[in-house]
Protein backbone atom coordinates (compact mmCIF):
# COMPACT_ATOMS: atom_id res chain seq x y z
CA MET A 1 4.76 -17.94 23.82
CA ARG A 2 7.73 -20.16 22.79
CA ARG A 3 9.98 -17.84 20.89
CA ARG A 4 13.16 -18.80 18.52
CA TYR A 5 16.36 -16.85 17.71
CA LEU A 6 17.69 -17.05 14.33
CA ALA A 7 21.41 -15.86 13.72
CA LEU A 8 21.73 -14.41 10.03
CA LYS A 9 24.54 -13.82 7.66
CA ILE A 10 23.51 -11.05 5.19
CA ASP A 11 25.70 -11.48 2.20
CA SER A 12 25.53 -8.08 0.11
CA ASN A 13 28.04 -5.81 -1.91
CA GLU A 14 26.53 -2.63 0.05
CA THR A 15 26.20 -1.79 3.85
CA LEU A 16 22.52 -1.98 4.51
CA SER A 17 20.50 -0.09 7.17
CA SER A 18 18.67 -2.41 9.67
CA ARG A 19 15.63 -0.58 8.10
CA ASP A 20 16.65 -2.06 4.77
CA PHE A 21 17.10 -5.51 6.09
CA MET A 22 13.81 -5.36 7.95
CA ASP A 23 11.90 -4.09 5.05
CA ALA A 24 13.16 -6.93 2.88
CA VAL A 25 12.39 -9.60 5.51
CA TRP A 26 8.58 -8.07 5.79
CA ASN A 27 8.09 -8.01 2.10
CA ALA A 28 9.29 -11.59 1.58
CA VAL A 29 7.13 -12.73 4.42
CA LEU A 30 3.98 -10.66 3.30
CA LYS A 31 4.56 -12.09 -0.61
CA LEU A 32 4.89 -15.69 0.56
CA TYR A 33 2.29 -15.69 3.19
CA GLY A 34 0.19 -13.00 3.02
CA GLU A 35 -0.75 -10.49 6.38
CA TYR A 36 -2.22 -13.21 8.45
CA GLY A 37 1.17 -15.31 8.03
CA ALA A 38 3.05 -12.12 8.77
CA SER A 39 0.89 -11.48 11.91
CA ARG A 40 1.37 -14.84 13.25
CA SER A 41 5.38 -14.90 12.62
CA GLY A 42 5.92 -12.17 15.37
CA LEU A 43 9.20 -11.11 13.75
CA THR A 44 11.39 -8.95 15.97
CA LEU A 45 15.00 -7.39 15.12
CA ILE A 46 17.03 -7.90 18.20
CA ASP A 47 20.71 -7.08 16.89
CA TYR A 48 22.17 -5.70 13.89
CA ASP A 49 25.84 -5.09 12.60
CA ALA A 50 25.87 -3.92 9.39
CA GLU A 51 29.53 -3.79 8.88
CA LYS A 52 29.72 -7.58 9.91
CA GLY A 53 26.57 -8.12 8.05
CA LEU A 54 25.25 -10.36 10.92
CA ALA A 55 21.86 -9.87 12.17
CA VAL A 56 19.63 -11.50 14.88
CA ILE A 57 16.00 -11.76 14.59
CA ARG A 58 13.26 -13.60 16.75
CA THR A 59 10.50 -15.07 15.79
CA MET A 60 7.54 -17.67 16.97
CA HIS A 61 8.51 -21.07 17.32
CA THR A 62 5.50 -22.41 15.23
CA THR A 63 6.73 -20.17 12.47
CA VAL A 64 10.52 -20.72 12.04
CA GLU A 65 10.17 -22.84 8.69
CA MET A 66 7.92 -20.28 7.34
CA VAL A 67 10.41 -17.36 8.42
CA ARG A 68 13.31 -19.61 6.96
CA ALA A 69 11.42 -20.00 3.27
CA ALA A 70 10.93 -16.25 3.49
CA LEU A 71 14.36 -15.42 3.91
CA ALA A 72 15.65 -18.18 1.18
CA SER A 73 13.19 -16.30 -1.15
CA ILE A 74 15.21 -12.70 -0.79
CA THR A 75 17.83 -12.07 -3.78
CA LYS A 76 17.42 -8.12 -3.47
CA ILE A 77 17.75 -5.67 -1.04
CA ARG A 78 17.16 -2.12 -2.22
CA ASP A 79 17.31 -3.53 -5.92
CA LYS A 80 20.91 -4.74 -5.15
CA PRO A 81 21.86 -8.34 -5.11
CA ALA A 82 21.69 -9.62 -1.65
CA ALA A 83 21.40 -13.36 -0.05
CA ILE A 84 20.28 -14.03 3.71
CA HIS A 85 21.83 -17.03 5.15
CA VAL A 86 20.56 -19.00 8.39
CA LEU A 87 23.75 -19.24 10.74
CA THR A 88 21.97 -20.95 13.58
CA ILE A 89 18.57 -21.16 15.72
CA SER A 90 18.44 -21.63 19.31
CA GLY A 91 15.41 -21.05 21.64
CA THR A 92 17.43 -18.59 24.03
CA ILE A 93 19.37 -15.47 23.11
CA ARG A 94 22.48 -16.73 25.36
CA ALA A 95 22.52 -19.82 23.80
CA LEU A 96 22.35 -18.49 20.38
CA TYR A 97 25.22 -16.13 21.17
CA LYS A 98 27.32 -18.81 22.46
CA LYS A 99 26.66 -21.06 19.06
CA ILE A 100 27.97 -18.00 17.15
CA LYS A 101 31.08 -17.80 19.30
CA GLN A 102 31.99 -21.28 18.37
């Protein structure tokens, strides 16, 4: 199974817990693609830094565009304005962290 890792920037005025963040991501995927699409995505939270507003998630390589569309559709988290931006995508977590540091 080929996977992709996405580095994300979370723009929000509030500090969000990792649970609030992933609930918003799962709800967006479910809303756009239903339970079948969500089950195919294999979404997993790998790393989360609430203070910096950074997150790393893992998904299947076949559902990267689907997950990106769902992330772009998020406008609120816990009824507060928020936006999620994809910084970079990589096939390995090591390469992802190298790209982030540059």
